[in-house]
Amino acid sequence: MARERTGLILASAGATVSRVDATGAEAAPAFDSDLAQESRLLALNPLVARPADRKRLLMLGGRLAPCLWAIDGATWGIHAPVAVR
């Protein structure tokens, strides 16, 4: 458990994103193994539900020391962009 925060903020083009403090008011676990945090996330303006018109399996990997992350075994600079629409 720690008060330090890290993560990503996803926002649409032109959205205003406020600065988030580096530490929270309360200590929290790094993640919930049951995805309880993620299951509470809701879109302000949800998309209309429809079946996926294409799917792609991505393998995520990496480590913290040194900080190195990969998608499908490729790190930044030798990666192949993942096209989405």
PDB file of N, CA and C in Angstrom:
ATOM      1  N   MET A   1       0.849  -1.176   0.000  1.00  0.00           N
ATOM      2  CA  MET A   1       0.000   0.000   0.000  1.00  0.00           C
ATOM      3  C   MET A   1       0.896   1.241   0.000  1.00  0.00           C
ATOM      4  N   ALA A   2       0.480   2.237  -0.779  1.00  0.00           N
ATOM      5  CA  ALA A   2       1.263   3.463  -0.899  1.00  0.00           C
ATOM      6  C   ALA A   2       0.354   4.623  -1.259  1.00  0.00           C
ATOM      7  N   ARG A   3       0.820   5.834  -0.993  1.00  0.00           N
ATOM      8  CA  ARG A   3       0.071   7.033  -1.353  1.00  0.00           C
ATOM      9  C   ARG A   3       0.491   7.572  -2.718  1.00  0.00           C
ATOM     10  N   GLU A   4       1.648   7.115  -3.243  1.00  0.00           N
ATOM     11  CA  GLU A   4       2.119   7.599  -4.538  1.00  0.00           C
ATOM     12  C   GLU A   4       1.191   7.128  -5.645  1.00  0.00           C
ATOM     13  N   ARG A   5       1.023   7.987  -6.662  1.00  0.00           N
ATOM     14  CA  ARG A   5       0.155   7.665  -7.793  1.00  0.00           C
ATOM     15  C   ARG A   5       0.974   7.609  -9.070  1.00  0.00           C
ATOM     16  N   THR A   6       0.537   6.776  -9.965  1.00  0.00           N
ATOM     17  CA  THR A   6       1.088   6.733 -11.310  1.00  0.00           C
ATOM     18  C   THR A   6       0.007   6.180 -12.221  1.00  0.00           C
ATOM     19  N   GLY A   7       0.143   6.395 -13.506  1.00  0.00           N
ATOM     20  CA  GLY A   7      -0.856   5.849 -14.415  1.00  0.00           C
ATOM     21  C   GLY A   7      -1.010   6.679 -15.665  1.00  0.00           C
ATOM     22  N   LEU A   8      -2.070   6.401 -16.382  1.00  0.00           N
ATOM     23  CA  LEU A   8      -2.381   7.073 -17.634  1.00  0.00           C
ATOM     24  C   LEU A   8      -3.718   7.769 -17.510  1.00  0.00           C
ATOM     25  N   ILE A   9      -3.850   8.887 -18.186  1.00  0.00           N
ATOM     26  CA  ILE A   9      -5.133   9.562 -18.288  1.00  0.00           C
ATOM     27  C   ILE A   9      -5.517   9.542 -19.754  1.00  0.00           C
ATOM     28  N   LEU A  10      -6.623   8.911 -20.060  1.00  0.00           N
ATOM     29  CA  LEU A  10      -7.108   8.855 -21.431  1.00  0.00           C
ATOM     30  C   LEU A  10      -8.112   9.984 -21.632  1.00  0.00           C
ATOM     31  N   ALA A  11      -7.896  10.774 -22.658  1.00  0.00           N
ATOM     32  CA  ALA A  11      -8.789  11.903 -22.940  1.00  0.00           C
ATOM     33  C   ALA A  11      -8.915  12.067 -24.440  1.00  0.00           C
ATOM     34  N   SER A  12     -10.079  12.500 -24.865  1.00  0.00           N
ATOM     35  CA  SER A  12     -10.286  12.738 -26.292  1.00  0.00           C
ATOM     36  C   SER A  12      -9.598  14.037 -26.702  1.00  0.00           C
ATOM     37  N   ALA A  13      -9.387  14.208 -27.993  1.00  0.00           N
ATOM     38  CA  ALA A  13      -8.716  15.401 -28.521  1.00  0.00           C
ATOM     39  C   ALA A  13      -9.448  16.660 -28.059  1.00  0.00           C
ATOM     40  N   GLY A  14      -8.683  17.632 -27.592  1.00  0.00           N
ATOM     41  CA  GLY A  14      -9.244  18.899 -27.157  1.00  0.00           C
ATOM     42  C   GLY A  14      -9.784  18.908 -25.738  1.00  0.00           C
ATOM     43  N   ALA A  15      -9.761  17.773 -25.054  1.00  0.00           N
ATOM     44  CA  ALA A  15     -10.274  17.718 -23.684  1.00  0.00           C
ATOM     45  C   ALA A  15      -9.328  18.440 -22.736  1.00  0.00           C
ATOM     46  N   THR A  16      -9.874  19.036 -21.705  1.00  0.00           N
ATOM     47  CA  THR A  16      -9.077  19.680 -20.671  1.00  0.00           C
ATOM     48  C   THR A  16      -8.741  18.638 -19.611  1.00  0.00           C
ATOM     49  N   VAL A  17      -7.456  18.493 -19.318  1.00  0.00           N
ATOM     50  CA  VAL A  17      -7.019  17.532 -18.312  1.00  0.00           C
ATOM     51  C   VAL A  17      -6.327  18.308 -17.203  1.00  0.00           C
ATOM     52  N   SER A  18      -6.883  18.228 -15.998  1.00  0.00           N
ATOM     53  CA  SER A  18      -6.301  18.906 -14.838  1.00  0.00           C
ATOM     54  C   SER A  18      -5.134  18.108 -14.306  1.00  0.00           C
ATOM     55  N   ARG A  19      -4.216  18.797 -13.645  1.00  0.00           N
ATOM     56  CA  ARG A  19      -3.075  18.124 -13.032  1.00  0.00           C
ATOM     57  C   ARG A  19      -3.560  17.274 -11.865  1.00  0.00           C
ATOM     58  N   VAL A  20      -3.006  16.079 -11.737  1.00  0.00           N
ATOM     59  CA  VAL A  20      -3.345  15.158 -10.665  1.00  0.00           C
ATOM     60  C   VAL A  20      -2.173  15.126  -9.694  1.00  0.00           C
ATOM     61  N   ASP A  21      -2.460  15.278  -8.402  1.00  0.00           N
ATOM     62  CA  ASP A  21      -1.395  15.246  -7.395  1.00  0.00           C
ATOM     63  C   ASP A  21      -0.644  13.918  -7.455  1.00  0.00           C
ATOM     64  N   ALA A  22       0.657  13.976  -7.177  1.00  0.00           N
ATOM     65  CA  ALA A  22       1.507  12.776  -7.206  1.00  0.00           C
ATOM     66  C   ALA A  22       1.231  11.839  -6.035  1.00  0.00           C
ATOM     67  N   THR A  23       0.589  12.344  -4.985  1.00  0.00           N
ATOM     68  CA  THR A  23       0.241  11.491  -3.846  1.00  0.00           C
ATOM     69  C   THR A  23      -1.235  11.649  -3.522  1.00  0.00           C
ATOM     70  N   GLY A  24      -1.838  10.558  -3.092  1.00  0.00           N
ATOM     71  CA  GLY A  24      -3.244  10.567  -2.719  1.00  0.00           C
ATOM     72  C   GLY A  24      -3.409  10.807  -1.232  1.00  0.00           C
ATOM     73  N   ALA A  25      -4.625  11.063  -0.819  1.00  0.00           N
ATOM     74  CA  ALA A  25      -4.915  11.319   0.589  1.00  0.00           C
ATOM     75  C   ALA A  25      -4.785  10.051   1.428  1.00  0.00           C
ATOM     76  N   GLU A  26      -5.047   8.893   0.813  1.00  0.00           N
ATOM     77  CA  GLU A  26      -5.001   7.621   1.533  1.00  0.00           C
ATOM     78  C   GLU A  26      -4.123   6.622   0.786  1.00  0.00           C
ATOM     79  N   ALA A  27      -3.520   5.716   1.530  1.00  0.00           N
ATOM     80  CA  ALA A  27      -2.739   4.646   0.912  1.00  0.00           C
ATOM     81  C   ALA A  27      -3.684   3.677   0.212  1.00  0.00           C
ATOM     82  N   ALA A  28      -3.246   3.172  -0.928  1.00  0.00           N
ATOM     83  CA  ALA A  28      -4.068   2.238  -1.704  1.00  0.00           C
ATOM     84  C   ALA A  28      -3.174   1.160  -2.297  1.00  0.00           C
ATOM     85  N   PRO A  29      -3.742  -0.010  -2.606  1.00  0.00           N
ATOM     86  CA  PRO A  29      -2.944  -1.054  -3.244  1.00  0.00           C
ATOM     87  C   PRO A  29      -2.618  -0.671  -4.685  1.00  0.00           C
ATOM     88  N   ALA A  30      -1.607  -1.314  -5.255  1.00  0.00           N
ATOM     89  CA  ALA A  30      -1.210  -1.028  -6.632  1.00  0.00           C
ATOM     90  C   ALA A  30      -2.349  -1.340  -7.591  1.00  0.00           C
ATOM     91  N   PHE A  31      -3.068  -2.404  -7.362  1.00  0.00           N
ATOM     92  CA  PHE A  31      -4.218  -2.775  -8.180  1.00  0.00           C
ATOM     93  C   PHE A  31      -5.054  -3.780  -7.413  1.00  0.00           C
ATOM     94  N   ASP A  32      -6.261  -3.960  -7.860  1.00  0.00           N
ATOM     95  CA  ASP A  32      -7.130  -4.977  -7.261  1.00  0.00           C
ATOM     96  C   ASP A  32      -7.066  -6.219  -8.132  1.00  0.00           C
ATOM     97  N   SER A  33      -6.732  -7.354  -7.553  1.00  0.00           N
ATOM     98  CA  SER A  33      -6.638  -8.586  -8.341  1.00  0.00           C
ATOM     99  C   SER A  33      -7.989  -9.010  -8.893  1.00  0.00           C
ATOM    100  N   ASP A  34      -9.076  -8.524  -8.303  1.00  0.00           N
ATOM    101  CA  ASP A  34     -10.410  -8.860  -8.812  1.00  0.00           C
ATOM    102  C   ASP A  34     -10.954  -7.795  -9.765  1.00  0.00           C
ATOM    103  N   LEU A  35     -10.104  -6.814 -10.128  1.00  0.00           N
ATOM    104  CA  LEU A  35     -10.458  -5.722 -11.045  1.00  0.00           C
ATOM    105  C   LEU A  35     -11.616  -4.862 -10.521  1.00  0.00           C
ATOM    106  N   ALA A  36     -11.751  -4.779  -9.206  1.00  0.00           N
ATOM    107  CA  ALA A  36     -12.838  -4.000  -8.611  1.00  0.00           C
ATOM    108  C   ALA A  36     -12.754  -2.526  -8.989  1.00  0.00           C
ATOM    109  N   GLN A  37     -11.539  -1.961  -9.030  1.00  0.00           N
ATOM    110  CA  GLN A  37     -11.405  -0.547  -9.413  1.00  0.00           C
ATOM    111  C   GLN A  37     -11.869  -0.336 -10.845  1.00  0.00           C
ATOM    112  N   GLU A  38     -11.382  -1.194 -11.738  1.00  0.00           N
ATOM    113  CA  GLU A  38     -11.704  -1.049 -13.145  1.00  0.00           C
ATOM    114  C   GLU A  38     -13.198  -1.221 -13.417  1.00  0.00           C
ATOM    115  N   SER A  39     -13.857  -2.095 -12.671  1.00  0.00           N
ATOM    116  CA  SER A  39     -15.280  -2.340 -12.908  1.00  0.00           C
ATOM    117  C   SER A  39     -16.145  -1.144 -12.515  1.00  0.00           C
ATOM    118  N   ARG A  40     -15.589  -0.201 -11.741  1.00  0.00           N
ATOM    119  CA  ARG A  40     -16.335   0.993 -11.348  1.00  0.00           C
ATOM    120  C   ARG A  40     -16.163   2.147 -12.336  1.00  0.00           C
ATOM    121  N   LEU A  41     -15.285   2.004 -13.323  1.00  0.00           N
ATOM    122  CA  LEU A  41     -15.071   3.074 -14.292  1.00  0.00           C
ATOM    123  C   LEU A  41     -16.246   3.162 -15.259  1.00  0.00           C
ATOM    124  N   LEU A  42     -16.709   4.384 -15.503  1.00  0.00           N
ATOM    125  CA  LEU A  42     -17.823   4.612 -16.407  1.00  0.00           C
ATOM    126  C   LEU A  42     -17.498   5.788 -17.322  1.00  0.00           C
ATOM    127  N   ALA A  43     -17.912   5.700 -18.566  1.00  0.00           N
ATOM    128  CA  ALA A  43     -17.729   6.801 -19.507  1.00  0.00           C
ATOM    129  C   ALA A  43     -18.769   7.880 -19.222  1.00  0.00           C
ATOM    130  N   LEU A  44     -18.358   9.143 -19.356  1.00  0.00           N
ATOM    131  CA  LEU A  44     -19.323  10.235 -19.200  1.00  0.00           C
ATOM    132  C   LEU A  44     -20.342  10.211 -20.328  1.00  0.00           C
ATOM    133  N   ASN A  45     -19.873   9.883 -21.533  1.00  0.00           N
ATOM    134  CA  ASN A  45     -20.736   9.794 -22.706  1.00  0.00           C
ATOM    135  C   ASN A  45     -20.455   8.455 -23.396  1.00  0.00           C
ATOM    136  N   PRO A  46     -21.096   7.386 -22.949  1.00  0.00           N
ATOM    137  CA  PRO A  46     -20.777   6.069 -23.497  1.00  0.00           C
ATOM    138  C   PRO A  46     -21.133   5.951 -24.979  1.00  0.00           C
ATOM    139  N   LEU A  47     -20.371   5.115 -25.673  1.00  0.00           N
ATOM    140  CA  LEU A  47     -20.652   4.824 -27.071  1.00  0.00           C
ATOM    141  C   LEU A  47     -21.850   3.892 -27.165  1.00  0.00           C
ATOM    142  N   VAL A  48     -22.488   3.898 -28.303  1.00  0.00           N
ATOM    143  CA  VAL A  48     -23.580   2.966 -28.545  1.00  0.00           C
ATOM    144  C   VAL A  48     -22.983   1.560 -28.633  1.00  0.00           C
ATOM    145  N   ALA A  49     -23.587   0.615 -27.945  1.00  0.00           N
ATOM    146  CA  ALA A  49     -23.085  -0.764 -27.949  1.00  0.00           C
ATOM    147  C   ALA A  49     -23.245  -1.373 -29.338  1.00  0.00           C
ATOM    148  N   ARG A  50     -22.184  -2.034 -29.816  1.00  0.00           N
ATOM    149  CA  ARG A  50     -22.228  -2.744 -31.094  1.00  0.00           C
ATOM    150  C   ARG A  50     -21.145  -3.807 -31.071  1.00  0.00           C
ATOM    151  N   PRO A  51     -21.283  -4.825 -31.884  1.00  0.00           N
ATOM    152  CA  PRO A  51     -20.255  -5.864 -31.905  1.00  0.00           C
ATOM    153  C   PRO A  51     -18.943  -5.325 -32.477  1.00  0.00           C
ATOM    154  N   ALA A  52     -17.833  -5.866 -32.025  1.00  0.00           N
ATOM    155  CA  ALA A  52     -16.527  -5.466 -32.555  1.00  0.00           C
ATOM    156  C   ALA A  52     -16.427  -5.884 -34.013  1.00  0.00           C
ATOM    157  N   ASP A  53     -15.885  -4.988 -34.860  1.00  0.00           N
ATOM    158  CA  ASP A  53     -15.733  -5.346 -36.268  1.00  0.00           C
ATOM    159  C   ASP A  53     -14.358  -5.944 -36.546  1.00  0.00           C
ATOM    160  N   ARG A  54     -13.449  -5.854 -35.571  1.00  0.00           N
ATOM    161  CA  ARG A  54     -12.173  -6.551 -35.668  1.00  0.00           C
ATOM    162  C   ARG A  54     -11.591  -6.681 -34.265  1.00  0.00           C
ATOM    163  N   LYS A  55     -10.754  -7.677 -34.084  1.00  0.00           N
ATOM    164  CA  LYS A  55     -10.129  -7.935 -32.783  1.00  0.00           C
ATOM    165  C   LYS A  55      -8.652  -8.201 -33.004  1.00  0.00           C
ATOM    166  N   ARG A  56      -7.850  -7.859 -31.995  1.00  0.00           N
ATOM    167  CA  ARG A  56      -6.410  -8.109 -32.085  1.00  0.00           C
ATOM    168  C   ARG A  56      -5.897  -8.472 -30.701  1.00  0.00           C
ATOM    169  N   LEU A  57      -5.133  -9.535 -30.595  1.00  0.00           N
ATOM    170  CA  LEU A  57      -4.520  -9.951 -29.347  1.00  0.00           C
ATOM    171  C   LEU A  57      -3.144  -9.299 -29.258  1.00  0.00           C
ATOM    172  N   LEU A  58      -2.891  -8.566 -28.186  1.00  0.00           N
ATOM    173  CA  LEU A  58      -1.597  -7.924 -27.949  1.00  0.00           C
ATOM    174  C   LEU A  58      -0.980  -8.544 -26.709  1.00  0.00           C
ATOM    175  N   MET A  59       0.297  -8.832 -26.770  1.00  0.00           N
ATOM    176  CA  MET A  59       1.013  -9.360 -25.616  1.00  0.00           C
ATOM    177  C   MET A  59       1.793  -8.214 -24.973  1.00  0.00           C
ATOM    178  N   LEU A  60       1.460  -7.890 -23.736  1.00  0.00           N
ATOM    179  CA  LEU A  60       2.135  -6.830 -23.000  1.00  0.00           C
ATOM    180  C   LEU A  60       3.195  -7.451 -22.103  1.00  0.00           C
ATOM    181  N   GLY A  61       4.353  -6.823 -22.018  1.00  0.00           N
ATOM    182  CA  GLY A  61       5.418  -7.328 -21.163  1.00  0.00           C
ATOM    183  C   GLY A  61       6.287  -6.191 -20.678  1.00  0.00           C
ATOM    184  N   GLY A  62       7.139  -6.492 -19.738  1.00  0.00           N
ATOM    185  CA  GLY A  62       8.054  -5.471 -19.263  1.00  0.00           C
ATOM    186  C   GLY A  62       8.496  -5.702 -17.842  1.00  0.00           C
ATOM    187  N   ARG A  63       9.232  -4.721 -17.347  1.00  0.00           N
ATOM    188  CA  ARG A  63       9.726  -4.788 -15.967  1.00  0.00           C
ATOM    189  C   ARG A  63       9.983  -3.364 -15.466  1.00  0.00           C
ATOM    190  N   LEU A  64      10.077  -3.239 -14.167  1.00  0.00           N
ATOM    191  CA  LEU A  64      10.257  -1.922 -13.560  1.00  0.00           C
ATOM    192  C   LEU A  64      11.720  -1.512 -13.456  1.00  0.00           C
ATOM    193  N   ALA A  65      12.633  -2.445 -13.274  1.00  0.00           N
ATOM    194  CA  ALA A  65      14.044  -2.079 -13.089  1.00  0.00           C
ATOM    195  C   ALA A  65      14.918  -2.871 -14.046  1.00  0.00           C
ATOM    196  N   PRO A  66      15.416  -2.281 -15.100  1.00  0.00           N
ATOM    197  CA  PRO A  66      15.134  -0.915 -15.529  1.00  0.00           C
ATOM    198  C   PRO A  66      13.726  -0.831 -16.117  1.00  0.00           C
ATOM    199  N   CYS A  67      13.215   0.374 -16.181  1.00  0.00           N
ATOM    200  CA  CYS A  67      11.870   0.591 -16.708  1.00  0.00           C
ATOM    201  C   CYS A  67      11.871   0.256 -18.200  1.00  0.00           C
ATOM    202  N   LEU A  68      11.250  -0.841 -18.557  1.00  0.00           N
ATOM    203  CA  LEU A  68      11.243  -1.312 -19.938  1.00  0.00           C
ATOM    204  C   LEU A  68       9.922  -2.011 -20.205  1.00  0.00           C
ATOM    205  N   TRP A  69       9.168  -1.508 -21.162  1.00  0.00           N
ATOM    206  CA  TRP A  69       7.860  -2.072 -21.483  1.00  0.00           C
ATOM    207  C   TRP A  69       7.806  -2.410 -22.954  1.00  0.00           C
ATOM    208  N   ALA A  70       7.018  -3.423 -23.282  1.00  0.00           N
ATOM    209  CA  ALA A  70       6.948  -3.890 -24.665  1.00  0.00           C
ATOM    210  C   ALA A  70       5.521  -4.297 -25.025  1.00  0.00           C
ATOM    211  N   ILE A  71       5.217  -4.175 -26.301  1.00  0.00           N
ATOM    212  CA  ILE A  71       3.976  -4.692 -26.870  1.00  0.00           C
ATOM    213  C   ILE A  71       4.386  -5.670 -27.960  1.00  0.00           C
ATOM    214  N   ASP A  72       3.892  -6.888 -27.859  1.00  0.00           N
ATOM    215  CA  ASP A  72       4.252  -7.958 -28.801  1.00  0.00           C
ATOM    216  C   ASP A  72       5.773  -8.130 -28.899  1.00  0.00           C
ATOM    217  N   GLY A  73       6.470  -7.988 -27.776  1.00  0.00           N
ATOM    218  CA  GLY A  73       7.913  -8.202 -27.725  1.00  0.00           C
ATOM    219  C   GLY A  73       8.761  -7.060 -28.243  1.00  0.00           C
ATOM    220  N   ALA A  74       8.151  -5.976 -28.686  1.00  0.00           N
ATOM    221  CA  ALA A  74       8.898  -4.846 -29.246  1.00  0.00           C
ATOM    222  C   ALA A  74       8.825  -3.643 -28.319  1.00  0.00           C
ATOM    223  N   THR A  75       9.976  -3.059 -28.016  1.00  0.00           N
ATOM    224  CA  THR A  75      10.030  -1.852 -27.187  1.00  0.00           C
ATOM    225  C   THR A  75       9.928  -0.613 -28.067  1.00  0.00           C
ATOM    226  N   TRP A  76       9.800   0.559 -27.434  1.00  0.00           N
ATOM    227  CA  TRP A  76       9.672   1.813 -28.162  1.00  0.00           C
ATOM    228  C   TRP A  76      10.877   2.005 -29.082  1.00  0.00           C
ATOM    229  N   GLY A  77      10.624   2.413 -30.285  1.00  0.00           N
ATOM    230  CA  GLY A  77      11.685   2.637 -31.246  1.00  0.00           C
ATOM    231  C   GLY A  77      11.796   1.516 -32.255  1.00  0.00           C
ATOM    232  N   ILE A  78      11.436   0.292 -31.838  1.00  0.00           N
ATOM    233  CA  ILE A  78      11.413  -0.817 -32.780  1.00  0.00           C
ATOM    234  C   ILE A  78      10.021  -1.430 -32.829  1.00  0.00           C
ATOM    235  N   HIS A  79       9.064  -0.694 -32.314  1.00  0.00           N
ATOM    236  CA  HIS A  79       7.692  -1.177 -32.224  1.00  0.00           C
ATOM    237  C   HIS A  79       6.952  -0.988 -33.558  1.00  0.00           C
ATOM    238  N   ALA A  80       5.861  -1.699 -33.694  1.00  0.00           N
ATOM    239  CA  ALA A  80       4.927  -1.490 -34.804  1.00  0.00           C
ATOM    240  C   ALA A  80       3.703  -0.818 -34.218  1.00  0.00           C
ATOM    241  N   PRO A  81       3.313   0.352 -34.718  1.00  0.00           N
ATOM    242  CA  PRO A  81       2.130   1.031 -34.169  1.00  0.00           C
ATOM    243  C   PRO A  81       0.889   0.140 -34.229  1.00  0.00           C
ATOM    244  N   VAL A  82       0.046   0.281 -33.226  1.00  0.00           N
ATOM    245  CA  VAL A  82      -1.214  -0.459 -33.176  1.00  0.00           C
ATOM    246  C   VAL A  82      -2.296   0.479 -33.696  1.00  0.00           C
ATOM    247  N   ALA A  83      -2.816   0.176 -34.865  1.00  0.00           N
ATOM    248  CA  ALA A  83      -3.845   1.035 -35.479  1.00  0.00           C
ATOM    249  C   ALA A  83      -5.202   0.766 -34.839  1.00  0.00           C
ATOM    250  N   VAL A  84      -5.857   1.820 -34.413  1.00  0.00           N
ATOM    251  CA  VAL A  84      -7.213   1.723 -33.862  1.00  0.00           C
ATOM    252  C   VAL A  84      -8.060   2.810 -34.493  1.00  0.00           C
ATOM    253  N   ARG A  85      -9.351   2.614 -34.435  1.00  0.00           N
ATOM    254  CA  ARG A  85     -10.260   3.659 -34.926  1.00  0.00           C
ATOM    255  C   ARG A  85     -11.506   3.675 -34.102  1.00  0.00           C
TER     256      ARG A  85
END
